[in-house]
């Protein structure tokens, strides 16, 4: 499956900005890990953005797990 060009652009822009801010503290291995992490976060955020919400949408009630008797 081909990746959306918008996602690639956002990943690259985010990675570039983070390396501008913190690049002097990162090793080459850390930069590669950062690139992978940025990709994961951007894909997750893109999925969250795709969920339509109205301004008045209420949050879901908290999940309370049921524990059986005893």
Protein backbone atom coordinates (compact mmCIF):
# COMPACT_ATOMS: atom_id res chain seq x y z
CA UNK A 1 0.00 0.00 0.00
CA UNK A 2 1.41 3.38 -1.01
CA UNK A 3 1.75 5.99 1.68
CA UNK A 4 -0.17 9.24 1.33
CA UNK A 5 2.11 12.06 0.10
CA UNK A 6 0.64 14.37 2.75
CA UNK A 7 1.70 11.97 5.50
CA UNK A 8 5.21 11.72 4.04
CA UNK A 9 5.48 15.51 3.88
CA UNK A 10 4.29 15.94 7.46
CA UNK A 11 6.70 13.23 8.66
CA UNK A 12 9.61 14.88 6.89
CA UNK A 13 8.72 18.38 8.10
CA UNK A 14 8.35 17.18 11.68
CA UNK A 15 11.61 15.23 11.53
CA UNK A 16 13.47 18.22 10.11
CA UNK A 17 12.10 20.53 12.80
CA UNK A 18 13.03 18.13 15.60
CA UNK A 19 16.54 17.69 14.25
CA UNK A 20 16.87 21.48 14.02
CA UNK A 21 15.90 21.76 17.68
CA UNK A 22 17.69 18.72 19.11
CA UNK A 23 19.99 17.41 16.39
CA UNK A 24 23.17 18.32 18.24
CA UNK A 25 22.13 15.89 21.00
CA UNK A 26 21.33 12.95 18.71
CA UNK A 27 23.55 10.19 17.41
CA UNK A 28 22.98 8.70 13.94
CA UNK A 29 21.17 5.74 15.52
CA UNK A 30 18.96 8.05 17.56
CA UNK A 31 18.06 10.00 14.40
CA UNK A 32 16.91 6.82 12.67
CA UNK A 33 14.85 5.86 15.72
CA UNK A 34 13.40 9.38 15.77
CA UNK A 35 12.44 9.14 12.09
CA UNK A 36 10.57 5.89 12.76
CA UNK A 37 8.86 7.33 15.85
CA UNK A 38 7.78 10.45 13.98
CA UNK A 39 6.27 8.26 11.27
CA UNK A 40 4.29 6.29 13.82
CA UNK A 41 3.02 9.41 15.60
CA UNK A 42 2.07 11.20 12.38
CA UNK A 43 0.13 8.17 11.14
CA UNK A 44 -1.69 7.92 14.48
CA UNK A 45 -2.52 11.63 14.52
CA UNK A 46 -3.77 11.41 10.93
CA UNK A 47 -6.14 8.62 11.94
CA UNK A 48 -7.38 10.68 14.91
CA UNK A 49 -7.93 13.72 12.70
CA UNK A 50 -10.09 11.65 10.36
CA UNK A 51 -12.74 11.09 13.07
CA UNK A 52 -15.44 13.72 12.67
CA UNK A 53 -16.42 15.44 15.91
CA UNK A 54 -19.00 18.12 16.44
CA UNK A 55 -18.24 20.98 18.78
CA UNK A 56 -20.73 19.62 21.31
CA UNK A 57 -19.62 15.98 21.18
CA UNK A 58 -19.53 14.58 24.71
CA UNK A 59 -16.71 12.31 25.86
CA UNK A 60 -17.38 8.61 26.33
CA UNK A 61 -18.06 7.48 29.90
CA UNK A 62 -15.08 5.86 31.63
CA UNK A 63 -14.69 2.11 31.23
CA UNK A 64 -15.09 0.29 34.53
CA UNK A 65 -14.01 -3.35 34.12
CA UNK A 66 -16.28 -5.94 35.69
CA UNK A 67 -14.60 -8.21 38.20
CA UNK A 68 -16.49 -11.36 38.98
CA UNK A 69 -17.65 -12.25 42.46
CA UNK A 70 -15.05 -13.71 44.79
